[in-house]
């Protein structure tokens, strides 16, 4: 489906059925077609070794299968049941181009049930609509990562965003907010002062060679 130029794909992934079928010999042909023979063997070995984070292990192997099939980027959006006690299914997006990845990330962010400091959950959980929850990759974490990873460099906001956002949960607004916070805390300097409440794509941000910590 994605072999031609400009071709992306979104598909429904029935997690509960796939989870039950991974070690079921009756559907072995289908599991191998989905995950790939070698990847399926690795998945089964990982699940036999430990049942901890079973869902995460399955989804990581699904991502690997999509990359092996020709995708460059994979996004997953989880759906939970009404009581938020289990996963019902996922929507999985596969693409070969970062622009498609970034556009779908913005769409999935809009439909996320909850966020932490504006960082989307990429999850629909009816019982958590509008809630906030602490993530490992919240905005504070992004600010610290930027001053460390870009120490001694100068680049525009949009260039920084394109270089950094792949395989991370952050959307463009998160980067604008993070850079605004860093500027206010004197942890970066810019070539011009952003207008209140904004941070234009073309503003050049300079990170000190030695990262400045939080005040």
N, C-alpha and C. Protein backbone atom coordinates (compact mmCIF):
# COMPACT_ATOMS: atom_id res chain seq x y z
N UNK A 1 0.81 -1.22 0.00
CA UNK A 1 0.00 0.00 0.00
C UNK A 1 0.84 1.27 0.00
N UNK A 2 2.06 1.21 0.54
CA UNK A 2 2.88 2.42 0.61
C UNK A 2 4.07 2.37 -0.35
N UNK A 3 4.06 1.44 -1.29
CA UNK A 3 5.22 1.29 -2.18
C UNK A 3 5.39 2.47 -3.13
N UNK A 4 4.28 3.13 -3.54
CA UNK A 4 4.37 4.23 -4.49
C UNK A 4 4.67 5.55 -3.79
N UNK A 5 5.16 6.52 -4.56
CA UNK A 5 5.48 7.84 -4.02
C UNK A 5 4.21 8.49 -3.45
N UNK A 6 4.34 9.09 -2.29
CA UNK A 6 3.23 9.81 -1.68
C UNK A 6 2.17 8.93 -1.06
N UNK A 7 2.42 7.64 -0.94
CA UNK A 7 1.42 6.72 -0.39
C UNK A 7 1.62 6.53 1.11
N UNK A 8 0.58 6.80 1.86
CA UNK A 8 0.56 6.56 3.30
C UNK A 8 -0.55 5.54 3.59
N UNK A 9 -0.60 5.07 4.82
CA UNK A 9 -1.63 4.09 5.18
C UNK A 9 -2.01 4.25 6.65
N UNK A 10 -3.31 4.21 6.91
CA UNK A 10 -3.83 4.14 8.28
C UNK A 10 -4.64 2.85 8.38
N UNK A 11 -4.36 2.04 9.39
CA UNK A 11 -5.14 0.81 9.51
C UNK A 11 -5.56 0.56 10.95
N UNK A 12 -6.63 -0.20 11.08
CA UNK A 12 -7.21 -0.59 12.36
C UNK A 12 -6.47 -1.82 12.87
N UNK A 13 -5.98 -1.74 14.10
CA UNK A 13 -5.24 -2.85 14.71
C UNK A 13 -6.02 -3.34 15.92
N UNK A 14 -6.62 -4.51 15.78
CA UNK A 14 -7.44 -5.09 16.85
C UNK A 14 -6.52 -5.75 17.87
N UNK A 15 -6.11 -4.97 18.86
CA UNK A 15 -5.09 -5.46 19.80
C UNK A 15 -5.52 -6.73 20.53
N UNK A 16 -6.75 -6.77 21.03
CA UNK A 16 -7.17 -7.91 21.84
C UNK A 16 -7.15 -9.20 21.03
N UNK A 17 -7.55 -9.14 19.77
CA UNK A 17 -7.55 -10.35 18.93
C UNK A 17 -6.13 -10.76 18.54
N UNK A 18 -5.30 -9.79 18.21
CA UNK A 18 -3.91 -10.10 17.85
C UNK A 18 -3.16 -10.66 19.06
N UNK A 19 -3.38 -10.07 20.21
CA UNK A 19 -2.74 -10.53 21.44
C UNK A 19 -3.07 -12.00 21.68
N UNK A 20 -4.33 -12.37 21.46
CA UNK A 20 -4.74 -13.75 21.67
C UNK A 20 -4.21 -14.69 20.59
N UNK A 21 -3.88 -14.14 19.42
CA UNK A 21 -3.48 -15.00 18.31
C UNK A 21 -1.99 -15.22 18.17
N UNK A 22 -1.18 -14.49 18.91
CA UNK A 22 0.28 -14.57 18.72
C UNK A 22 0.82 -15.98 18.89
N UNK A 23 0.32 -16.71 19.86
CA UNK A 23 0.78 -18.08 20.11
C UNK A 23 -0.26 -19.13 19.75
N UNK A 24 -1.23 -18.74 18.93
CA UNK A 24 -2.28 -19.67 18.52
C UNK A 24 -1.91 -20.29 17.17
N UNK A 25 -1.61 -21.59 17.11
CA UNK A 25 -1.18 -22.21 15.85
C UNK A 25 -2.23 -22.14 14.74
N UNK A 26 -3.49 -21.98 15.10
CA UNK A 26 -4.55 -21.93 14.10
C UNK A 26 -4.41 -20.71 13.20
N UNK A 27 -3.90 -19.60 13.76
CA UNK A 27 -3.76 -18.36 12.98
C UNK A 27 -2.29 -18.01 12.77
N UNK A 28 -1.43 -19.00 12.87
CA UNK A 28 0.01 -18.75 12.73
C UNK A 28 0.35 -18.10 11.39
N UNK A 29 -0.29 -18.51 10.33
CA UNK A 29 -0.03 -17.94 9.00
C UNK A 29 -0.31 -16.44 8.99
N UNK A 30 -1.39 -16.04 9.63
CA UNK A 30 -1.76 -14.63 9.66
C UNK A 30 -0.81 -13.82 10.54
N UNK A 31 -0.39 -14.38 11.66
CA UNK A 31 0.55 -13.68 12.54
C UNK A 31 1.89 -13.48 11.83
N UNK A 32 2.32 -14.49 11.08
CA UNK A 32 3.58 -14.38 10.35
C UNK A 32 3.47 -13.35 9.23
N UNK A 33 2.32 -13.29 8.58
CA UNK A 33 2.11 -12.31 7.51
C UNK A 33 2.13 -10.88 8.07
N UNK A 34 1.61 -10.70 9.27
CA UNK A 34 1.55 -9.38 9.88
C UNK A 34 2.90 -8.93 10.42
N UNK A 35 3.56 -9.79 11.19
CA UNK A 35 4.79 -9.39 11.88
C UNK A 35 6.06 -9.74 11.10
N UNK A 36 5.98 -10.66 10.16
CA UNK A 36 7.18 -11.17 9.51
C UNK A 36 7.72 -12.34 10.31
N UNK A 37 8.28 -13.33 9.63
CA UNK A 37 8.66 -14.58 10.31
C UNK A 37 9.69 -14.35 11.41
N UNK A 38 10.79 -13.67 11.10
CA UNK A 38 11.84 -13.47 12.10
C UNK A 38 11.37 -12.58 13.24
N UNK A 39 10.65 -11.52 12.88
CA UNK A 39 10.15 -10.59 13.89
C UNK A 39 9.16 -11.27 14.82
N UNK A 40 8.33 -12.16 14.28
CA UNK A 40 7.36 -12.90 15.10
C UNK A 40 8.08 -13.82 16.08
N UNK A 41 9.14 -14.46 15.62
CA UNK A 41 9.91 -15.33 16.51
C UNK A 41 10.52 -14.53 17.66
N UNK A 42 11.05 -13.34 17.34
CA UNK A 42 11.61 -12.48 18.38
C UNK A 42 10.53 -12.03 19.36
N UNK A 43 9.35 -11.71 18.82
CA UNK A 43 8.23 -11.29 19.67
C UNK A 43 7.83 -12.41 20.62
N UNK A 44 7.67 -13.60 20.10
CA UNK A 44 7.28 -14.72 20.96
C UNK A 44 8.33 -15.00 22.03
N UNK A 45 9.59 -14.89 21.66
CA UNK A 45 10.66 -15.11 22.63
C UNK A 45 10.63 -14.06 23.73
N UNK A 46 10.39 -12.81 23.34
CA UNK A 46 10.34 -11.73 24.32
C UNK A 46 9.16 -11.91 25.27
N UNK A 47 8.02 -12.35 24.75
CA UNK A 47 6.84 -12.55 25.60
C UNK A 47 7.01 -13.77 26.49
N UNK A 48 7.68 -14.79 26.00
CA UNK A 48 7.93 -15.99 26.83
C UNK A 48 8.90 -15.68 27.96
N UNK A 49 9.84 -14.76 27.69
CA UNK A 49 10.83 -14.40 28.71
C UNK A 49 10.22 -13.57 29.82
N UNK A 50 9.26 -12.72 29.46
CA UNK A 50 8.65 -11.85 30.46
C UNK A 50 7.29 -11.36 29.96
N UNK A 51 6.32 -11.34 30.87
CA UNK A 51 5.00 -10.83 30.53
C UNK A 51 4.85 -9.36 30.93
N UNK A 52 5.91 -8.79 31.49
CA UNK A 52 5.87 -7.38 31.89
C UNK A 52 5.74 -6.51 30.64
N UNK A 53 4.85 -5.56 30.69
CA UNK A 53 4.61 -4.63 29.58
C UNK A 53 4.36 -5.38 28.28
N UNK A 54 3.53 -6.39 28.34
CA UNK A 54 3.23 -7.22 27.16
C UNK A 54 2.73 -6.35 26.00
N UNK A 55 1.84 -5.44 26.30
CA UNK A 55 1.26 -4.60 25.24
C UNK A 55 2.34 -3.76 24.56
N UNK A 56 3.22 -3.16 25.35
CA UNK A 56 4.28 -2.35 24.78
C UNK A 56 5.21 -3.16 23.89
N UNK A 57 5.51 -4.39 24.30
CA UNK A 57 6.38 -5.26 23.51
C UNK A 57 5.73 -5.59 22.17
N UNK A 58 4.44 -5.90 22.20
CA UNK A 58 3.73 -6.23 20.95
C UNK A 58 3.72 -5.04 20.01
N UNK A 59 3.46 -3.84 20.53
CA UNK A 59 3.37 -2.67 19.66
C UNK A 59 4.73 -2.28 19.11
N UNK A 60 5.78 -2.47 19.88
CA UNK A 60 7.13 -2.19 19.36
C UNK A 60 7.48 -3.15 18.23
N UNK A 61 7.08 -4.40 18.34
CA UNK A 61 7.35 -5.36 17.27
C UNK A 61 6.46 -5.07 16.05
N UNK A 62 5.28 -4.55 16.27
CA UNK A 62 4.46 -4.14 15.14
C UNK A 62 5.15 -2.99 14.39
N UNK A 63 5.67 -2.02 15.14
CA UNK A 63 6.41 -0.92 14.51
C UNK A 63 7.58 -1.45 13.69
N UNK A 64 8.31 -2.40 14.26
CA UNK A 64 9.44 -2.98 13.55
C UNK A 64 8.99 -3.65 12.26
N UNK A 65 7.84 -4.32 12.31
CA UNK A 65 7.30 -4.98 11.12
C UNK A 65 6.97 -3.97 10.04
N UNK A 66 6.43 -2.82 10.43
CA UNK A 66 6.07 -1.78 9.46
C UNK A 66 7.33 -1.17 8.83
N UNK A 67 8.37 -0.98 9.64
CA UNK A 67 9.64 -0.47 9.11
C UNK A 67 10.23 -1.47 8.12
N UNK A 68 10.18 -2.75 8.46
CA UNK A 68 10.68 -3.79 7.56
C UNK A 68 9.90 -3.81 6.25
N UNK A 69 8.62 -3.41 6.32
CA UNK A 69 7.76 -3.42 5.13
C UNK A 69 7.95 -2.19 4.26
N UNK A 70 8.79 -1.23 4.71
CA UNK A 70 9.07 -0.07 3.88
C UNK A 70 8.71 1.26 4.48
N UNK A 71 8.05 1.28 5.64
CA UNK A 71 7.69 2.55 6.28
C UNK A 71 8.94 3.20 6.88
N UNK A 72 8.98 4.52 6.86
CA UNK A 72 10.05 5.26 7.52
C UNK A 72 9.63 5.71 8.92
N UNK A 73 8.34 5.97 9.07
CA UNK A 73 7.81 6.48 10.33
C UNK A 73 6.50 5.78 10.65
N UNK A 74 6.27 5.52 11.94
CA UNK A 74 5.06 4.85 12.39
C UNK A 74 4.49 5.60 13.59
N UNK A 75 3.20 5.89 13.54
CA UNK A 75 2.50 6.52 14.67
C UNK A 75 1.36 5.61 15.11
N UNK A 76 1.19 5.46 16.42
CA UNK A 76 0.10 4.65 16.92
C UNK A 76 -0.77 5.48 17.86
N UNK A 77 -2.08 5.28 17.76
CA UNK A 77 -3.05 5.97 18.60
C UNK A 77 -3.90 4.91 19.28
N UNK A 78 -3.89 4.93 20.61
CA UNK A 78 -4.55 3.88 21.38
C UNK A 78 -5.97 4.27 21.78
N UNK A 79 -6.86 3.28 21.79
CA UNK A 79 -8.23 3.45 22.27
C UNK A 79 -8.43 2.55 23.49
N UNK A 80 -8.94 3.15 24.57
CA UNK A 80 -9.19 2.42 25.80
C UNK A 80 -10.69 2.22 25.98
N UNK A 81 -11.08 1.26 26.83
CA UNK A 81 -12.50 1.06 27.10
C UNK A 81 -13.03 2.16 28.02
N UNK A 82 -14.31 2.17 28.27
CA UNK A 82 -14.95 3.28 29.00
C UNK A 82 -14.40 3.43 30.41
N UNK A 83 -13.99 2.34 31.04
CA UNK A 83 -13.47 2.40 32.41
C UNK A 83 -11.95 2.58 32.45
N UNK A 84 -11.34 2.69 31.28
CA UNK A 84 -9.89 2.88 31.17
C UNK A 84 -9.11 1.73 31.81
N UNK A 85 -9.65 0.50 31.70
CA UNK A 85 -9.01 -0.65 32.32
C UNK A 85 -8.24 -1.51 31.30
N UNK A 86 -8.53 -1.34 30.01
CA UNK A 86 -7.82 -2.13 29.00
C UNK A 86 -7.87 -1.43 27.65
N UNK A 87 -6.97 -1.84 26.79
CA UNK A 87 -6.93 -1.35 25.41
C UNK A 87 -7.90 -2.15 24.56
N UNK A 88 -8.65 -1.47 23.73
CA UNK A 88 -9.55 -2.16 22.80
C UNK A 88 -8.90 -2.30 21.43
N UNK A 89 -8.31 -1.22 20.92
CA UNK A 89 -7.69 -1.28 19.60
C UNK A 89 -6.78 -0.08 19.40
N UNK A 90 -6.10 -0.05 18.28
CA UNK A 90 -5.24 1.06 17.88
C UNK A 90 -5.57 1.48 16.45
N UNK A 91 -5.26 2.73 16.14
CA UNK A 91 -5.10 3.14 14.75
C UNK A 91 -3.61 3.31 14.53
N UNK A 92 -3.12 2.74 13.45
CA UNK A 92 -1.69 2.76 13.15
C UNK A 92 -1.48 3.49 11.82
N UNK A 93 -0.61 4.48 11.83
CA UNK A 93 -0.30 5.25 10.63
C UNK A 93 1.13 4.96 10.21
N UNK A 94 1.31 4.62 8.94
CA UNK A 94 2.65 4.37 8.41
C UNK A 94 2.89 5.28 7.21
N UNK A 95 4.09 5.82 7.13
CA UNK A 95 4.43 6.76 6.06
C UNK A 95 5.91 6.68 5.75
N UNK A 96 6.29 7.19 4.59
CA UNK A 96 7.69 7.24 4.20
C UNK A 96 8.25 8.65 4.24
N UNK A 97 7.42 9.62 4.63
CA UNK A 97 7.86 11.02 4.56
C UNK A 97 7.60 11.74 5.88
N UNK A 98 8.57 12.55 6.35
CA UNK A 98 8.37 13.25 7.63
C UNK A 98 7.20 14.23 7.63
N UNK A 99 6.85 14.78 6.46
CA UNK A 99 5.72 15.71 6.43
C UNK A 99 4.42 14.99 6.77
N UNK A 100 4.22 13.80 6.21
CA UNK A 100 3.03 13.01 6.55
C UNK A 100 3.01 12.66 8.02
N UNK A 101 4.18 12.32 8.54
CA UNK A 101 4.30 12.00 9.97
C UNK A 101 3.90 13.18 10.84
N UNK A 102 4.39 14.37 10.49
CA UNK A 102 4.11 15.55 11.30
C UNK A 102 2.64 15.95 11.22
N UNK A 103 2.04 15.83 10.03
CA UNK A 103 0.63 16.18 9.87
C UNK A 103 -0.26 15.23 10.68
N UNK A 104 0.03 13.93 10.60
CA UNK A 104 -0.79 12.97 11.34
C UNK A 104 -0.58 13.12 12.84
N UNK A 105 0.61 13.48 13.25
CA UNK A 105 0.86 13.71 14.67
C UNK A 105 -0.02 14.84 15.20
N UNK A 106 -0.17 15.90 14.42
CA UNK A 106 -1.03 17.03 14.83
C UNK A 106 -2.49 16.59 14.93
N UNK A 107 -2.92 15.76 13.98
CA UNK A 107 -4.31 15.26 14.01
C UNK A 107 -4.54 14.39 15.23
N UNK A 108 -3.63 13.46 15.49
CA UNK A 108 -3.77 12.59 16.65
C UNK A 108 -3.71 13.37 17.95
N UNK A 109 -2.89 14.42 17.98
CA UNK A 109 -2.81 15.25 19.17
C UNK A 109 -4.15 15.91 19.46
N UNK A 110 -4.81 16.37 18.43
CA UNK A 110 -6.12 17.04 18.59
C UNK A 110 -7.15 16.11 19.21
N UNK A 111 -7.06 14.82 18.90
CA UNK A 111 -8.07 13.86 19.38
C UNK A 111 -7.62 13.11 20.62
N UNK A 112 -6.49 13.47 21.20
CA UNK A 112 -6.06 12.84 22.45
C UNK A 112 -6.96 13.27 23.60
N UNK A 113 -7.29 12.34 24.48
CA UNK A 113 -8.20 12.65 25.58
C UNK A 113 -7.55 13.48 26.67
N UNK A 114 -6.23 13.41 26.80
CA UNK A 114 -5.58 14.14 27.88
C UNK A 114 -4.16 14.50 27.48
N UNK A 115 -3.58 15.43 28.21
CA UNK A 115 -2.23 15.92 27.92
C UNK A 115 -1.48 16.14 29.23
N UNK A 116 -0.20 16.39 29.10
CA UNK A 116 0.60 16.87 30.23
C UNK A 116 1.38 18.07 29.73
N UNK A 117 1.10 19.24 30.26
CA UNK A 117 1.74 20.48 29.85
C UNK A 117 1.62 20.68 28.34
N UNK A 118 0.50 20.26 27.79
CA UNK A 118 0.27 20.42 26.36
C UNK A 118 0.82 19.30 25.50
N UNK A 119 1.56 18.37 26.08
CA UNK A 119 2.09 17.23 25.31
C UNK A 119 0.98 16.17 25.21
N UNK A 120 0.57 15.81 23.99
CA UNK A 120 -0.57 14.90 23.82
C UNK A 120 -0.28 13.47 24.24
N UNK A 121 -1.35 12.76 24.59
CA UNK A 121 -1.23 11.38 25.03
C UNK A 121 -1.30 10.38 23.88
N UNK A 122 -1.82 10.79 22.73
CA UNK A 122 -2.04 9.89 21.60
C UNK A 122 -2.87 8.69 22.05
N UNK A 123 -3.91 9.03 22.78
CA UNK A 123 -4.77 8.00 23.35
C UNK A 123 -6.17 8.56 23.54
N UNK A 124 -7.18 7.73 23.21
CA UNK A 124 -8.57 8.10 23.49
C UNK A 124 -9.06 7.24 24.65
N UNK A 125 -9.31 7.91 25.78
CA UNK A 125 -9.79 7.24 26.97
C UNK A 125 -10.99 8.03 27.48
N UNK A 126 -12.23 7.56 27.25
CA UNK A 126 -13.43 8.34 27.59
C UNK A 126 -13.46 8.85 29.02
N UNK A 127 -12.95 8.06 29.97
CA UNK A 127 -13.01 8.46 31.37
C UNK A 127 -12.01 9.56 31.72
N UNK A 128 -11.10 9.89 30.79
CA UNK A 128 -10.06 10.87 31.07
C UNK A 128 -10.15 12.10 30.17
N UNK A 129 -11.28 12.31 29.55
CA UNK A 129 -11.45 13.45 28.66
C UNK A 129 -11.10 14.77 29.38
N UNK A 130 -10.15 15.50 28.83
CA UNK A 130 -9.78 16.81 29.37
C UNK A 130 -8.88 16.76 30.57
N UNK A 131 -8.45 15.57 30.97
CA UNK A 131 -7.61 15.43 32.17
C UNK A 131 -6.15 15.71 31.84
N UNK A 132 -5.35 15.82 32.88
CA UNK A 132 -3.90 15.99 32.72
C UNK A 132 -3.21 14.88 33.49
N UNK A 133 -2.15 14.36 32.91
CA UNK A 133 -1.44 13.24 33.53
C UNK A 133 0.05 13.43 33.30
N UNK A 134 0.86 13.03 34.26
CA UNK A 134 2.30 13.21 34.14
C UNK A 134 2.90 12.18 33.21
N UNK A 135 3.68 12.66 32.24
CA UNK A 135 4.40 11.80 31.31
C UNK A 135 5.88 11.89 31.58
N UNK A 136 6.61 10.92 31.08
CA UNK A 136 8.06 11.00 31.13
C UNK A 136 8.56 12.09 30.21
N UNK A 137 7.84 12.34 29.10
CA UNK A 137 8.28 13.31 28.10
C UNK A 137 7.42 14.56 28.13
N UNK A 138 7.21 15.17 29.29
CA UNK A 138 6.44 16.39 29.37
C UNK A 138 7.30 17.58 28.95
N UNK A 139 6.69 18.79 29.00
CA UNK A 139 7.35 19.97 28.46
C UNK A 139 8.64 20.31 29.20
N UNK A 140 8.66 20.15 30.52
CA UNK A 140 9.88 20.43 31.28
C UNK A 140 11.02 19.56 30.79
N UNK A 141 10.70 18.32 30.51
CA UNK A 141 11.71 17.39 30.02
C UNK A 141 12.22 17.84 28.65
N UNK A 142 11.33 18.31 27.79
CA UNK A 142 11.73 18.79 26.47
C UNK A 142 12.69 19.96 26.58
N UNK A 143 12.41 20.90 27.46
CA UNK A 143 13.29 22.07 27.61
C UNK A 143 14.71 21.64 27.98
N UNK A 144 14.83 20.75 28.94
CA UNK A 144 16.15 20.29 29.37
C UNK A 144 16.87 19.54 28.25
N UNK A 145 16.13 18.75 27.50
CA UNK A 145 16.73 18.00 26.41
C UNK A 145 17.25 18.94 25.31
N UNK A 146 16.50 19.98 25.02
CA UNK A 146 16.91 20.89 23.96
C UNK A 146 18.22 21.62 24.31
N UNK A 147 18.32 22.13 25.53
CA UNK A 147 19.53 22.88 25.88
C UNK A 147 20.76 21.96 25.93
N UNK A 148 20.54 20.68 26.18
CA UNK A 148 21.65 19.73 26.20
C UNK A 148 22.02 19.28 24.78
N UNK A 149 21.01 18.90 24.01
CA UNK A 149 21.26 18.33 22.68
C UNK A 149 21.69 19.36 21.65
N UNK A 150 21.31 20.63 21.84
CA UNK A 150 21.67 21.67 20.88
C UNK A 150 22.68 22.67 21.44
N UNK A 151 23.37 22.30 22.49
CA UNK A 151 24.35 23.19 23.12
C UNK A 151 25.38 23.68 22.09
N UNK A 152 25.60 25.01 22.07
CA UNK A 152 26.58 25.60 21.18
C UNK A 152 26.11 25.81 19.76
N UNK A 153 24.84 25.59 19.48
CA UNK A 153 24.33 25.70 18.12
C UNK A 153 23.31 26.83 17.99
N UNK A 154 23.18 27.35 16.77
CA UNK A 154 22.17 28.36 16.43
C UNK A 154 21.36 27.84 15.26
N UNK A 155 20.04 27.87 15.38
CA UNK A 155 19.17 27.43 14.32
C UNK A 155 17.77 28.00 14.51
N UNK A 156 16.99 28.02 13.43
CA UNK A 156 15.65 28.56 13.53
C UNK A 156 14.75 27.61 14.29
N UNK A 157 13.66 28.16 14.80
CA UNK A 157 12.71 27.33 15.52
C UNK A 157 12.22 26.18 14.66
N UNK A 158 11.86 26.45 13.40
CA UNK A 158 11.28 25.40 12.56
C UNK A 158 12.33 24.35 12.19
N UNK A 159 13.58 24.77 12.04
CA UNK A 159 14.64 23.81 11.75
C UNK A 159 14.87 22.89 12.95
N UNK A 160 14.87 23.48 14.13
CA UNK A 160 15.00 22.69 15.36
C UNK A 160 13.86 21.67 15.45
N UNK A 161 12.66 22.13 15.18
CA UNK A 161 11.48 21.25 15.25
C UNK A 161 11.63 20.07 14.29
N UNK A 162 11.99 20.34 13.03
CA UNK A 162 12.12 19.26 12.05
C UNK A 162 13.22 18.28 12.44
N UNK A 163 14.30 18.78 13.02
CA UNK A 163 15.42 17.93 13.38
C UNK A 163 15.12 17.05 14.61
N UNK A 164 14.23 17.53 15.48
CA UNK A 164 14.10 16.89 16.80
C UNK A 164 12.82 16.10 17.00
N UNK A 165 11.74 16.38 16.26
CA UNK A 165 10.44 15.84 16.66
C UNK A 165 10.19 14.39 16.27
N UNK A 166 10.97 13.85 15.32
CA UNK A 166 10.72 12.49 14.85
C UNK A 166 10.92 11.47 15.98
N UNK A 167 9.97 10.56 16.10
CA UNK A 167 9.98 9.51 17.12
C UNK A 167 9.86 10.07 18.54
N UNK A 168 9.33 11.28 18.64
CA UNK A 168 9.07 11.86 19.96
C UNK A 168 7.62 12.33 20.00
N UNK A 169 7.01 12.46 21.17
CA UNK A 169 5.59 12.78 21.26
C UNK A 169 5.26 14.25 21.02
N UNK A 170 6.26 15.10 20.94
CA UNK A 170 6.03 16.54 20.92
C UNK A 170 5.53 17.04 19.56
N UNK A 171 4.59 17.97 19.62
CA UNK A 171 4.10 18.63 18.41
C UNK A 171 4.74 20.01 18.31
N UNK A 172 4.46 20.70 17.21
CA UNK A 172 5.13 21.98 16.95
C UNK A 172 4.87 22.99 18.06
N UNK A 173 3.64 23.04 18.55
CA UNK A 173 3.32 23.99 19.61
C UNK A 173 4.15 23.73 20.86
N UNK A 174 4.44 22.47 21.16
CA UNK A 174 5.26 22.15 22.32
C UNK A 174 6.65 22.77 22.20
N UNK A 175 7.21 22.74 21.00
CA UNK A 175 8.53 23.34 20.79
C UNK A 175 8.49 24.85 20.93
N UNK A 176 7.44 25.47 20.42
CA UNK A 176 7.31 26.93 20.56
C UNK A 176 7.18 27.30 22.04
N UNK A 177 6.36 26.54 22.78
CA UNK A 177 6.19 26.81 24.21
C UNK A 177 7.50 26.59 24.97
N UNK A 178 8.21 25.50 24.64
CA UNK A 178 9.46 25.20 25.32
C UNK A 178 10.50 26.29 25.08
N UNK A 179 10.62 26.74 23.83
CA UNK A 179 11.59 27.79 23.52
C UNK A 179 11.22 29.10 24.16
N UNK A 180 9.93 29.40 24.23
CA UNK A 180 9.49 30.60 24.92
C UNK A 180 9.85 30.57 26.39
N UNK A 181 9.68 29.41 27.02
CA UNK A 181 10.04 29.26 28.43
C UNK A 181 11.55 29.38 28.64
N UNK A 182 12.32 28.77 27.72
CA UNK A 182 13.77 28.86 27.82
C UNK A 182 14.26 30.28 27.66
N UNK A 183 13.65 31.03 26.76
CA UNK A 183 14.04 32.43 26.56
C UNK A 183 13.71 33.25 27.80
N UNK A 184 12.54 33.04 28.37
CA UNK A 184 12.14 33.78 29.57
C UNK A 184 13.06 33.48 30.76
N UNK A 185 13.62 32.26 30.78
CA UNK A 185 14.51 31.86 31.87
C UNK A 185 15.98 32.17 31.57
N UNK A 186 16.23 32.87 30.45
CA UNK A 186 17.60 33.24 30.03
C UNK A 186 18.48 32.02 29.78
N UNK A 187 17.87 30.94 29.33
CA UNK A 187 18.63 29.74 29.02
C UNK A 187 19.01 29.66 27.54
N UNK A 188 18.41 30.53 26.71
CA UNK A 188 18.76 30.67 25.29
C UNK A 188 18.67 32.15 24.94
N UNK A 189 19.22 32.51 23.77
CA UNK A 189 19.05 33.87 23.25
C UNK A 189 18.49 33.75 21.83
N UNK A 190 17.82 34.80 21.37
CA UNK A 190 17.23 34.80 20.03
C UNK A 190 17.66 36.04 19.26
N UNK A 191 17.52 35.97 17.93
CA UNK A 191 17.93 37.10 17.09
C UNK A 191 16.92 38.24 17.13
N UNK A 192 15.75 37.98 17.64
CA UNK A 192 14.75 39.03 17.83
C UNK A 192 13.76 38.58 18.90
N UNK A 193 13.08 39.54 19.47
CA UNK A 193 12.14 39.25 20.56
C UNK A 193 10.82 38.75 19.98
N UNK A 194 10.37 37.58 20.36
CA UNK A 194 9.08 37.10 19.87
C UNK A 194 7.94 37.98 20.37
N UNK A 195 6.90 38.06 19.57
CA UNK A 195 5.71 38.75 20.03
C UNK A 195 5.07 37.98 21.17
N UNK A 196 4.39 38.68 22.02
CA UNK A 196 3.79 38.05 23.21
C UNK A 196 2.89 36.88 22.80
N UNK A 197 3.15 35.74 23.42
CA UNK A 197 2.32 34.55 23.19
C UNK A 197 2.62 33.81 21.91
N UNK A 198 3.67 34.22 21.18
CA UNK A 198 4.01 33.54 19.93
C UNK A 198 5.51 33.24 19.89
N UNK A 199 5.88 32.41 18.92
CA UNK A 199 7.29 32.14 18.68
C UNK A 199 7.39 31.76 17.21
N UNK A 200 7.73 32.74 16.36
CA UNK A 200 7.69 32.55 14.91
C UNK A 200 8.66 31.48 14.44
N UNK A 201 8.31 30.82 13.34
CA UNK A 201 9.13 29.74 12.80
C UNK A 201 10.55 30.19 12.47
N UNK A 202 10.69 31.45 11.99
CA UNK A 202 11.99 31.91 11.52
C UNK A 202 12.91 32.50 12.56
N UNK A 203 12.47 32.58 13.81
CA UNK A 203 13.33 33.12 14.87
C UNK A 203 14.53 32.20 15.09
N UNK A 204 15.73 32.80 15.09
CA UNK A 204 16.96 32.03 15.30
C UNK A 204 17.24 31.93 16.80
N UNK A 205 17.41 30.71 17.25
CA UNK A 205 17.66 30.44 18.67
C UNK A 205 19.11 29.99 18.83
N UNK A 206 19.81 30.59 19.78
CA UNK A 206 21.19 30.21 20.08
C UNK A 206 21.25 29.60 21.47
N UNK A 207 21.80 28.40 21.53
CA UNK A 207 21.94 27.69 22.80
C UNK A 207 23.37 27.87 23.30
N UNK A 208 23.55 28.16 24.56
CA UNK A 208 24.92 28.33 25.09
C UNK A 208 25.70 27.03 25.00
N UNK A 209 27.02 27.17 24.87
CA UNK A 209 27.87 25.98 24.79
C UNK A 209 27.75 25.15 26.05
N UNK A 210 27.72 25.82 27.19
CA UNK A 210 27.50 25.12 28.45
C UNK A 210 26.06 25.34 28.84
N UNK A 211 25.22 24.27 28.84
CA UNK A 211 23.81 24.43 29.14
C UNK A 211 23.57 25.12 30.48
N UNK A 212 22.61 26.04 30.46
CA UNK A 212 22.22 26.76 31.68
C UNK A 212 21.07 26.01 32.33
N UNK A 213 21.22 25.65 33.60
CA UNK A 213 20.19 24.90 34.29
C UNK A 213 19.02 25.75 34.71
N UNK A 214 18.03 25.11 35.29
CA UNK A 214 16.84 25.82 35.76
C UNK A 214 17.19 26.72 36.94
N UNK A 215 16.49 27.82 36.96
CA UNK A 215 16.70 28.78 38.07
C UNK A 215 15.66 28.48 39.16
